[in-house]
């Protein structure tokens, strides 16, 4: 990857000396150098946020103290090297305290020392630029509409809740079946929030043995227990000012729940083997496939912790309830897999789409991804056919309806009827879920292609 240029501003009222510095610093092709002969003209361009400023301490219209203070306020990442005609040690120490990176006296060795100072800053600036670039890429990746694919009414409700969660510093509880994308939702909320510049720290509670979870969360000191040969920071400290994502929170041991509750209430932790109390500023997002209310009722989850974690609830619908989103998500995974594996463009045939739409997807999005990726491998041509779609529970009641050898019209009728049967015969809801016009459903009912059994029974009851 090509290095990004380092932007250097030379602020110097002596035309000859500023020209000398600009020429000298421009010898490095990675440097982009601009010069200013007054504090006023320099401040007018400070919004460009240069990486380095070489600042003459004695300008006609401003002192080095004044300009340094404004640089640190308006562009805190900018490194400032003071260049002065006086070698006053007290002034230099004061400027260091106020944030100057270096203090160089104008003498015969000034250029060499300036070059060395800037070379030392190169690695720091390069690292900062890489972090900024990574943050930009992450923000793009976790854009709401790009990260979570779908147009169904069910997922649009999720978008609304995610947006509310991103713009409020509130605990978020994400629920949904395994494989619905709870971790992706958590990351998307974090990277669209004010905390996005700070760490997103995930931990899967179910994957950590009970006797190690406390150490994972709160950290430990050297010698706190057998095998603790060095101090270790816990996930709470790692996530300071950022987000801690506690996945599968429903699997947490009841005794550990009490310690977590205290941490959330007091906003402080103590490492194992230490008496030092550490203040923390962490946003909590939790996720579970369990019904926590039911867990509370059975005594397996603390009621006080449940209400502490509930915060803003986001429920992810299973894939089988997202209608045509199945095809949109499947196409996304196909395009991604083909691109990563340098395969030609592949499309889902009508019969392949039909087979996917008929399937219940007990493994949800994760299962869909596996199915279409295998289909890409099995398919030699451009079109993914029905036989390329290998369903893991095809012969084990995994399908919504029996769709073998149906015409497209028969398939559509059975699919709509299934959704009517499982959605309380609510025509409006079914039309939204399948992304079709409600008038289409009413027409099919009038033509006896679809049945509103409950509606018919109610009418019979009314007549009686």
Protein backbone atom coordinates (compact mmCIF):
# COMPACT_ATOMS: atom_id res chain seq x y z
CA UNK A 1 0.00 0.00 0.00
CA UNK A 2 1.31 3.45 -0.93
CA UNK A 3 2.23 5.61 2.06
CA UNK A 4 0.02 8.61 2.65
CA UNK A 5 1.97 11.91 2.47
CA UNK A 6 2.99 13.71 5.66
CA UNK A 7 1.67 17.27 5.68
CA UNK A 8 4.07 19.82 7.17
CA UNK A 9 3.33 23.51 7.77
CA UNK A 10 6.34 25.85 8.08
CA UNK A 11 5.39 29.00 10.03
CA UNK A 12 8.23 31.49 9.73
CA UNK A 13 8.25 35.26 9.05
CA UNK A 14 11.85 35.30 7.72
CA UNK A 15 11.38 34.69 3.97
CA UNK A 16 14.91 33.40 3.41
CA UNK A 17 14.84 31.00 6.36
CA UNK A 18 11.33 29.73 5.55
CA UNK A 19 12.37 29.09 1.93
CA UNK A 20 15.40 27.19 3.19
CA UNK A 21 13.25 25.02 5.48
CA UNK A 22 10.68 24.31 2.76
CA UNK A 23 13.37 23.26 0.29
CA UNK A 24 15.12 21.12 2.90
CA UNK A 25 11.95 19.34 4.08
CA UNK A 26 10.72 18.81 0.51
CA UNK A 27 13.74 16.60 -0.23
CA UNK A 28 11.69 13.73 1.15
CA UNK A 29 9.07 12.88 -1.53
CA UNK A 30 6.66 11.74 1.23
CA UNK A 31 6.50 15.30 2.58
CA UNK A 32 3.94 17.87 1.42
CA UNK A 33 5.15 21.25 2.69
CA UNK A 34 3.35 24.60 2.90
CA UNK A 35 4.76 27.83 4.31
CA UNK A 36 3.12 30.73 6.18
CA UNK A 37 4.69 34.07 7.13
CA UNK A 38 2.28 35.02 9.91
CA UNK A 39 0.23 33.46 12.68
CA UNK A 40 -2.97 34.83 11.15
CA UNK A 41 -2.52 33.15 7.74
CA UNK A 42 -1.43 29.92 9.44
CA UNK A 43 -4.50 29.76 11.70
CA UNK A 44 -6.75 30.32 8.69
CA UNK A 45 -5.45 27.01 7.28
CA UNK A 46 -5.27 25.03 10.52
CA UNK A 47 -8.57 23.31 9.62
CA UNK A 48 -6.49 21.22 7.17
CA UNK A 49 -5.03 19.54 10.28
CA UNK A 50 -1.36 19.20 9.29
CA UNK A 51 0.66 16.32 10.71
CA UNK A 52 3.59 18.56 11.76
CA UNK A 53 4.04 22.30 12.31
CA UNK A 54 7.46 23.92 12.57
CA UNK A 55 6.63 27.08 14.48
CA UNK A 56 8.75 30.20 14.79
CA UNK A 57 8.49 31.23 18.44
CA UNK A 58 8.64 34.98 17.75
CA UNK A 59 6.21 35.99 15.01
CA UNK A 60 5.19 39.64 14.56
CA UNK A 61 1.48 38.99 15.21
CA UNK A 62 1.51 36.09 17.72
CA UNK A 63 3.70 34.39 20.30
CA UNK A 64 4.65 30.75 20.20
CA UNK A 65 2.65 30.17 23.42
CA UNK A 66 -0.54 31.56 21.90
CA UNK A 67 -0.26 29.58 18.66
CA UNK A 68 0.69 26.33 20.44
CA UNK A 69 -2.42 26.61 22.64
CA UNK A 70 -4.67 27.11 19.59
CA UNK A 71 -3.05 24.22 17.71
CA UNK A 72 -3.62 21.87 20.63
CA UNK A 73 -7.23 22.98 20.92
CA UNK A 74 -8.15 22.91 17.22
CA UNK A 75 -5.90 20.10 15.94
CA UNK A 76 -4.70 18.01 18.92
CA UNK A 77 -3.04 15.32 16.77
CA UNK A 78 -0.73 17.85 15.10
CA UNK A 79 2.88 17.61 16.32
CA UNK A 80 4.52 21.00 16.99
CA UNK A 81 8.26 21.68 16.72
CA UNK A 82 9.21 25.11 18.05
CA UNK A 83 12.07 26.87 16.27
CA UNK A 84 13.49 29.81 18.21
CA UNK A 85 16.37 32.25 18.01
CA UNK A 86 16.82 32.01 21.79
CA UNK A 87 18.06 29.00 23.75
CA UNK A 88 16.07 29.75 26.89
CA UNK A 89 15.76 26.50 28.85
CA UNK A 90 12.88 27.77 31.01
CA UNK A 91 10.87 28.71 27.93
CA UNK A 92 11.61 25.32 26.35
CA UNK A 93 10.45 23.40 29.45
CA UNK A 94 7.26 25.47 29.63
CA UNK A 95 6.51 24.74 25.95
CA UNK A 96 7.12 21.01 26.46
CA UNK A 97 4.60 21.07 29.31
CA UNK A 98 2.08 22.74 27.01
CA UNK A 99 2.42 20.02 24.36
CA UNK A 100 5.33 20.92 22.08
CA UNK A 101 7.11 17.88 20.65
CA UNK A 102 10.54 19.53 20.34
CA UNK A 103 12.35 22.85 20.80
CA UNK A 104 15.12 23.68 18.32
CA UNK A 105 17.41 26.71 18.46
CA UNK A 106 18.26 28.44 15.18
CA UNK A 107 21.95 27.64 14.83
CA UNK A 108 24.24 25.77 12.43
CA UNK A 109 22.85 22.38 13.48
CA UNK A 110 19.14 23.38 13.41
CA UNK A 111 18.33 21.75 10.06
CA UNK A 112 19.94 18.45 11.02
CA UNK A 113 18.12 18.35 14.36
CA UNK A 114 14.84 19.29 12.67
CA UNK A 115 15.29 16.46 10.15
CA UNK A 116 16.00 13.96 12.93
CA UNK A 117 12.97 15.14 14.93
CA UNK A 118 10.66 14.74 11.93
CA UNK A 119 12.10 11.32 11.06
CA UNK A 120 11.33 10.16 14.61
CA UNK A 121 7.74 11.35 14.17
CA UNK A 122 7.28 9.43 10.91
CA UNK A 123 6.38 6.11 12.57
CA UNK A 124 3.92 7.73 15.00
CA UNK A 125 2.19 9.63 12.20
CA UNK A 126 2.15 6.59 9.91
CA UNK A 127 0.52 4.50 12.66
CA UNK A 128 -2.11 7.21 13.32
CA UNK A 129 -2.95 7.44 9.61
CA UNK A 130 -3.31 3.64 9.41
CA UNK A 131 -5.67 3.67 12.41
CA UNK A 132 -7.73 6.50 10.87
CA UNK A 133 -7.89 4.63 7.56
CA UNK A 134 -8.95 1.44 9.34
CA UNK A 135 -11.64 3.32 11.25
CA UNK A 136 -12.99 4.75 7.99
CA UNK A 137 -13.07 1.29 6.41
CA UNK A 138 -14.78 -0.18 9.47
CA UNK A 139 -17.37 2.62 9.45
CA UNK A 140 -18.14 1.88 5.79
CA UNK A 141 -18.33 -1.85 6.45
CA UNK A 142 -20.76 -1.41 9.31
CA UNK A 143 -23.02 1.11 7.60
CA UNK A 144 -26.59 0.14 8.63
CA UNK A 145 -27.87 -0.55 5.13
CA UNK A 146 -24.70 -2.34 3.96
CA UNK A 147 -24.00 -4.46 7.04
CA UNK A 148 -27.55 -5.76 7.49
CA UNK A 149 -29.17 -6.83 4.24
CA UNK A 150 -32.92 -6.88 3.79
CA UNK A 151 -36.08 -4.98 2.89
CA UNK A 152 -38.66 -6.98 4.82
CA UNK A 153 -40.87 -5.20 7.38
CA UNK A 154 -39.38 -7.45 10.09
CA UNK A 155 -35.82 -6.27 9.45
CA UNK A 156 -36.87 -2.66 8.97
CA UNK A 157 -38.10 -2.70 12.57
CA UNK A 158 -34.62 -3.88 13.56
CA UNK A 159 -33.04 -0.97 11.63
CA UNK A 160 -35.18 1.49 13.59
CA UNK A 161 -34.11 0.02 16.94
CA UNK A 162 -30.44 -0.14 15.88
CA UNK A 163 -30.48 3.53 14.91
CA UNK A 164 -31.97 4.46 18.27
CA UNK A 165 -29.31 2.35 20.00
CA UNK A 166 -26.46 3.95 18.04
CA UNK A 167 -27.44 7.49 19.03
CA UNK A 168 -28.07 6.81 22.72
CA UNK A 169 -25.59 5.66 25.33
CA UNK A 170 -27.87 2.88 26.62
CA UNK A 171 -27.38 -0.82 27.31
CA UNK A 172 -28.66 -2.92 24.41
CA UNK A 173 -30.04 -6.46 24.69
CA UNK A 174 -30.15 -8.42 21.43
CA UNK A 175 -32.28 -11.54 21.22
CA UNK A 176 -32.86 -14.03 18.44
CA UNK A 177 -32.23 -17.58 17.35
CA UNK A 178 -28.71 -18.85 16.77
CA UNK A 179 -27.36 -17.70 13.43
CA UNK A 180 -29.56 -14.60 13.01
CA UNK A 181 -26.59 -12.19 13.16
CA UNK A 182 -26.60 -10.86 16.72
CA UNK A 183 -22.83 -10.22 16.71
CA UNK A 184 -23.08 -8.25 13.46
CA UNK A 185 -25.85 -6.09 14.90
CA UNK A 186 -23.74 -5.39 18.01
CA UNK A 187 -20.74 -4.32 15.89
CA UNK A 188 -22.91 -2.15 13.66
CA UNK A 189 -24.38 -0.34 16.68
CA UNK A 190 -20.89 0.28 18.12
CA UNK A 191 -19.31 1.51 14.89
CA UNK A 192 -22.16 3.96 14.32
CA UNK A 193 -22.04 5.33 17.88
CA UNK A 194 -19.95 8.06 19.51
CA UNK A 195 -17.72 5.30 20.92
CA UNK A 196 -16.61 4.05 17.48
CA UNK A 197 -13.05 5.40 17.91
CA UNK A 198 -12.60 3.22 20.99
CA UNK A 199 -12.45 -0.59 21.27
CA UNK A 200 -15.24 -3.04 20.51
CA UNK A 201 -14.44 -5.99 22.77
CA UNK A 202 -16.49 -9.18 22.31
CA UNK A 203 -16.54 -12.13 24.68
CA UNK A 204 -18.59 -15.30 24.29
CA UNK A 205 -19.68 -16.17 27.81
CA UNK A 206 -20.60 -19.73 26.80
CA UNK A 207 -17.08 -20.39 25.45
CA UNK A 208 -15.25 -19.49 28.70
CA UNK A 209 -15.06 -22.05 31.54
CA UNK A 210 -16.86 -20.80 34.67
CA UNK A 211 -13.72 -20.68 36.82
CA UNK A 212 -11.90 -18.53 34.22
CA UNK A 213 -14.69 -16.08 33.35
CA UNK A 214 -14.02 -13.73 36.28
CA UNK A 215 -10.38 -13.37 35.25
CA UNK A 216 -11.40 -12.81 31.61
CA UNK A 217 -13.79 -10.02 32.56
CA UNK A 218 -11.95 -8.29 35.40
CA UNK A 219 -8.29 -9.28 34.90
CA UNK A 220 -5.79 -10.48 37.50
CA UNK A 221 -2.49 -9.58 39.11
CA UNK A 222 0.73 -11.58 38.91
CA UNK A 223 0.59 -14.45 41.41
CA UNK A 224 -3.15 -14.09 42.06
CA UNK A 225 -3.56 -17.82 41.42
CA UNK A 226 -1.57 -20.77 40.09
CA UNK A 227 -0.43 -20.01 36.56
CA UNK A 228 -0.86 -16.21 36.75
CA UNK A 229 2.74 -15.36 35.87
CA UNK A 230 1.97 -11.76 34.84
CA UNK A 231 -0.65 -9.06 35.27
CA UNK A 232 -3.49 -9.36 32.78
CA UNK A 233 -6.07 -6.73 31.92
CA UNK A 234 -9.67 -7.94 31.76
CA UNK A 235 -12.22 -7.27 29.03
CA UNK A 236 -13.75 -4.38 30.98
CA UNK A 237 -10.43 -2.52 31.03
CA UNK A 238 -9.78 -3.34 27.37
CA UNK A 239 -13.16 -1.88 26.45
CA UNK A 240 -12.68 1.37 28.41
CA UNK A 241 -14.57 4.20 26.64
CA UNK A 242 -15.73 1.67 24.04
CA UNK A 243 -18.19 -1.24 23.97
CA UNK A 244 -18.14 -4.61 25.74
CA UNK A 245 -20.24 -7.21 23.91
CA UNK A 246 -21.31 -10.08 26.17
CA UNK A 247 -22.53 -12.77 23.79
CA UNK A 248 -24.64 -15.64 25.14
CA UNK A 249 -25.19 -13.81 28.44
CA UNK A 250 -27.87 -16.37 29.34
CA UNK A 251 -25.13 -18.96 29.92
CA UNK A 252 -23.48 -16.99 32.75
CA UNK A 253 -23.21 -18.72 36.13
CA UNK A 254 -25.58 -17.30 38.79
CA UNK A 255 -22.65 -16.39 41.11
CA UNK A 256 -20.86 -14.55 38.32
CA UNK A 257 -24.09 -12.69 37.58
CA UNK A 258 -23.90 -11.08 41.04
CA UNK A 259 -20.37 -9.79 40.36
CA UNK A 260 -21.41 -8.46 36.96
CA UNK A 261 -24.39 -6.66 38.50
CA UNK A 262 -22.17 -4.95 41.06
CA UNK A 263 -19.76 -3.84 38.33
CA UNK A 264 -22.57 -2.34 36.27
CA UNK A 265 -23.99 -0.53 39.30
CA UNK A 266 -20.70 0.83 40.66
CA UNK A 267 -18.97 1.33 37.28
CA UNK A 268 -15.74 0.01 38.74
CA UNK A 269 -13.77 -3.23 38.86
CA UNK A 270 -11.04 -4.81 40.95
CA UNK A 271 -8.58 -7.23 39.39
CA UNK A 272 -8.27 -10.65 41.04
CA UNK A 273 -5.45 -10.47 43.60
CA UNK A 274 -5.61 -6.68 43.91
CA UNK A 275 -7.26 -4.12 46.19
CA UNK A 276 -7.03 -1.32 43.64
CA UNK A 277 -10.43 -0.05 42.48
CA UNK A 278 -10.46 0.89 38.78
CA UNK A 279 -13.13 3.19 37.36
CA UNK A 280 -14.52 2.11 33.99
CA UNK A 281 -16.54 3.80 31.27
CA UNK A 282 -17.98 0.98 29.14
CA UNK A 283 -21.11 0.63 27.04
CA UNK A 284 -22.66 -2.84 27.42
CA UNK A 285 -24.34 -4.83 24.65
CA UNK A 286 -25.59 -8.32 25.49
CA UNK A 287 -27.00 -11.06 23.29
CA UNK A 288 -28.73 -14.37 23.91
CA UNK A 289 -30.79 -16.99 22.10
CA UNK A 290 -32.54 -17.81 25.38
CA UNK A 291 -35.74 -16.31 26.76
CA UNK A 292 -34.29 -14.48 29.76
CA UNK A 293 -37.70 -13.86 31.30
CA UNK A 294 -38.22 -17.62 31.37
CA UNK A 295 -34.71 -18.07 32.81
CA UNK A 296 -35.59 -15.58 35.57
CA UNK A 297 -38.81 -17.47 36.32
CA UNK A 298 -36.85 -20.73 36.63
CA UNK A 299 -34.30 -19.10 38.96
CA UNK A 300 -31.39 -19.45 36.55
CA UNK A 301 -30.97 -15.73 35.88
CA UNK A 302 -31.07 -12.90 38.42
CA UNK A 303 -34.12 -10.69 38.05
CA UNK A 304 -32.24 -7.53 39.08
CA UNK A 305 -29.53 -8.21 36.50
CA UNK A 306 -32.18 -8.92 33.85
CA UNK A 307 -33.71 -5.46 34.31
CA UNK A 308 -30.27 -3.88 34.44
CA UNK A 309 -29.35 -5.43 31.08
CA UNK A 310 -32.70 -5.09 29.31
CA UNK A 311 -32.05 -1.49 28.25
CA UNK A 312 -33.07 -1.10 24.62
CA UNK A 313 -34.23 -4.50 23.30
CA UNK A 314 -33.50 -5.51 19.70
CA UNK A 315 -35.13 -8.74 18.54
CA UNK A 316 -33.80 -10.37 15.38
CA UNK A 317 -36.44 -12.32 13.45
CA UNK A 318 -35.54 -15.80 12.19
CA UNK A 319 -34.75 -15.99 8.49
CA UNK A 320 -37.93 -17.97 7.75
CA UNK A 321 -39.97 -14.90 8.77
CA UNK A 322 -38.12 -12.50 6.47
CA UNK A 323 -39.71 -13.52 3.17
CA UNK A 324 -37.83 -12.33 0.08
CA UNK A 325 -34.84 -11.26 2.19
CA UNK A 326 -33.74 -14.90 1.84
CA UNK A 327 -32.96 -14.31 -1.85
CA UNK A 328 -31.31 -10.90 -1.25
CA UNK A 329 -29.01 -12.31 1.42
CA UNK A 330 -28.31 -15.46 -0.58
CA UNK A 331 -27.32 -13.36 -3.62
CA UNK A 332 -25.02 -11.25 -1.43
CA UNK A 333 -23.20 -14.36 -0.15
CA UNK A 334 -22.96 -15.76 -3.69
CA UNK A 335 -21.39 -12.54 -5.05
CA UNK A 336 -18.98 -12.36 -2.10
CA UNK A 337 -17.92 -16.02 -2.40
CA UNK A 338 -17.42 -15.78 -6.16
CA UNK A 339 -15.33 -12.62 -5.77
CA UNK A 340 -13.14 -14.07 -3.02
CA UNK A 341 -12.57 -17.31 -4.95
CA UNK A 342 -12.20 -15.73 -8.40
CA UNK A 343 -15.22 -17.55 -9.78
CA UNK A 344 -17.34 -16.23 -12.60
CA UNK A 345 -20.64 -14.51 -11.98
CA UNK A 346 -23.37 -16.87 -10.76
CA UNK A 347 -27.13 -16.39 -10.49
CA UNK A 348 -29.90 -18.27 -8.73
CA UNK A 349 -32.34 -19.94 -11.13
CA UNK A 350 -36.09 -19.64 -10.53
CA UNK A 351 -36.23 -23.22 -9.22
CA UNK A 352 -33.26 -22.63 -6.92
CA UNK A 353 -34.96 -19.53 -5.50
CA UNK A 354 -38.14 -21.49 -5.00
CA UNK A 355 -36.30 -24.22 -3.12
CA UNK A 356 -34.65 -21.66 -0.84
CA UNK A 357 -37.92 -19.84 -0.19
CA UNK A 358 -39.62 -23.10 0.81
CA UNK A 359 -36.96 -24.00 3.36
CA UNK A 360 -37.34 -23.21 7.09
CA UNK A 361 -33.62 -22.49 7.75
CA UNK A 362 -33.25 -23.79 11.31
CA UNK A 363 -29.65 -22.49 11.21
CA UNK A 364 -30.81 -19.10 9.90
CA UNK A 365 -28.35 -16.81 8.05
CA UNK A 366 -25.33 -18.93 8.93
CA UNK A 367 -26.98 -21.94 7.30
CA UNK A 368 -28.00 -19.94 4.21
CA UNK A 369 -24.39 -18.83 3.75
CA UNK A 370 -23.13 -22.43 3.88
CA UNK A 371 -25.82 -23.63 1.46
CA UNK A 372 -25.20 -21.02 -1.25
CA UNK A 373 -21.41 -21.27 -0.95
CA UNK A 374 -21.62 -25.02 -1.53
CA UNK A 375 -23.99 -24.37 -4.44
CA UNK A 376 -21.37 -22.08 -6.02
CA UNK A 377 -18.81 -24.87 -5.81
CA UNK A 378 -21.21 -27.51 -7.21
CA UNK A 379 -22.35 -25.27 -10.07
CA UNK A 380 -20.17 -25.43 -13.19
CA UNK A 381 -22.08 -22.88 -15.23
CA UNK A 382 -23.50 -19.44 -14.58
CA UNK A 383 -26.89 -20.57 -13.25
CA UNK A 384 -27.26 -22.21 -9.84
CA UNK A 385 -29.91 -24.90 -10.35
CA UNK A 386 -32.29 -26.59 -7.93
CA UNK A 387 -30.04 -29.65 -7.60
CA UNK A 388 -27.14 -27.45 -6.49
CA UNK A 389 -29.12 -26.32 -3.44
CA UNK A 390 -28.36 -29.03 -0.89
CA UNK A 391 -30.44 -28.53 2.24
CA UNK A 392 -29.19 -29.96 5.50
CA UNK A 393 -32.68 -30.89 6.75
CA UNK A 394 -34.34 -31.45 3.39
CA UNK A 395 -35.74 -34.81 4.45
CA UNK A 396 -36.24 -33.97 8.11
CA UNK A 397 -39.21 -31.61 8.24
CA UNK A 398 -36.94 -28.70 7.40
CA UNK A 399 -39.21 -27.31 4.70
CA UNK A 400 -42.02 -24.87 5.22
CA UNK A 401 -44.23 -26.72 2.75
CA UNK A 402 -43.92 -29.62 0.38
CA UNK A 403 -42.68 -27.90 -2.76
CA UNK A 404 -41.41 -30.73 -4.94
CA UNK A 405 -42.41 -30.54 -8.62
CA UNK A 406 -44.62 -27.46 -8.20
CA UNK A 407 -45.24 -24.93 -10.91
CA UNK A 408 -44.36 -21.36 -10.03
CA UNK A 409 -48.05 -20.52 -9.56
CA UNK A 410 -48.59 -23.54 -7.29
CA UNK A 411 -45.49 -22.64 -5.32
CA UNK A 412 -46.66 -19.03 -4.86
CA UNK A 413 -50.12 -20.17 -3.73
CA UNK A 414 -48.74 -22.66 -1.21
CA UNK A 415 -46.24 -20.14 0.11
CA UNK A 416 -48.88 -17.43 0.66
CA UNK A 417 -51.24 -19.98 2.23
CA UNK A 418 -48.49 -21.09 4.60
CA UNK A 419 -47.83 -17.51 5.70
CA UNK A 420 -51.56 -16.93 6.19
CA UNK A 421 -51.84 -20.08 8.30
CA UNK A 422 -48.89 -19.10 10.51
CA UNK A 423 -49.67 -15.38 10.80
CA UNK A 424 -53.20 -15.50 12.19
CA UNK A 425 -54.66 -14.96 8.69
CA UNK A 426 -53.61 -11.31 8.78
CA UNK A 427 -53.54 -10.34 5.09
CA UNK A 428 -51.73 -7.05 5.70
CA UNK A 429 -48.91 -8.69 7.68
CA UNK A 430 -48.47 -11.44 5.10
CA UNK A 431 -48.39 -8.94 2.23
CA UNK A 432 -45.62 -7.01 4.01
CA UNK A 433 -43.59 -10.09 4.88
CA UNK A 434 -43.68 -11.47 1.35
CA UNK A 435 -43.36 -8.02 -0.24
CA UNK A 436 -46.45 -8.44 -2.40
CA UNK A 437 -49.62 -6.35 -2.82
CA UNK A 438 -52.49 -7.13 -0.43
CA UNK A 439 -54.84 -6.84 -3.41
CA UNK A 440 -53.10 -9.90 -4.90
CA UNK A 441 -53.95 -11.92 -1.79
CA UNK A 442 -57.56 -10.69 -1.71
CA UNK A 443 -57.97 -11.57 -5.40
CA UNK A 444 -56.64 -15.10 -4.79
CA UNK A 445 -59.07 -15.47 -1.86
CA UNK A 446 -62.02 -14.39 -4.04
CA UNK A 447 -60.97 -16.90 -6.68
CA UNK A 448 -60.78 -19.64 -3.99
CA UNK A 449 -57.05 -20.14 -4.54
CA UNK A 450 -56.45 -19.23 -0.89
CA UNK A 451 -58.48 -19.99 2.22
CA UNK A 452 -59.04 -17.81 5.28
CA UNK A 453 -60.11 -20.70 7.50
CA UNK A 454 -60.31 -18.78 10.73
CA UNK A 455 -62.21 -15.98 8.99
CA UNK A 456 -64.69 -18.53 7.61
CA UNK A 457 -65.12 -20.20 11.01
CA UNK A 458 -65.75 -16.84 12.66
CA UNK A 459 -68.43 -16.01 10.08
CA UNK A 460 -70.08 -19.37 10.71
CA UNK A 461 -70.05 -18.68 14.43
CA UNK A 462 -71.56 -15.24 13.87
CA UNK A 463 -74.42 -16.73 11.80
CA UNK A 464 -75.13 -19.24 14.56
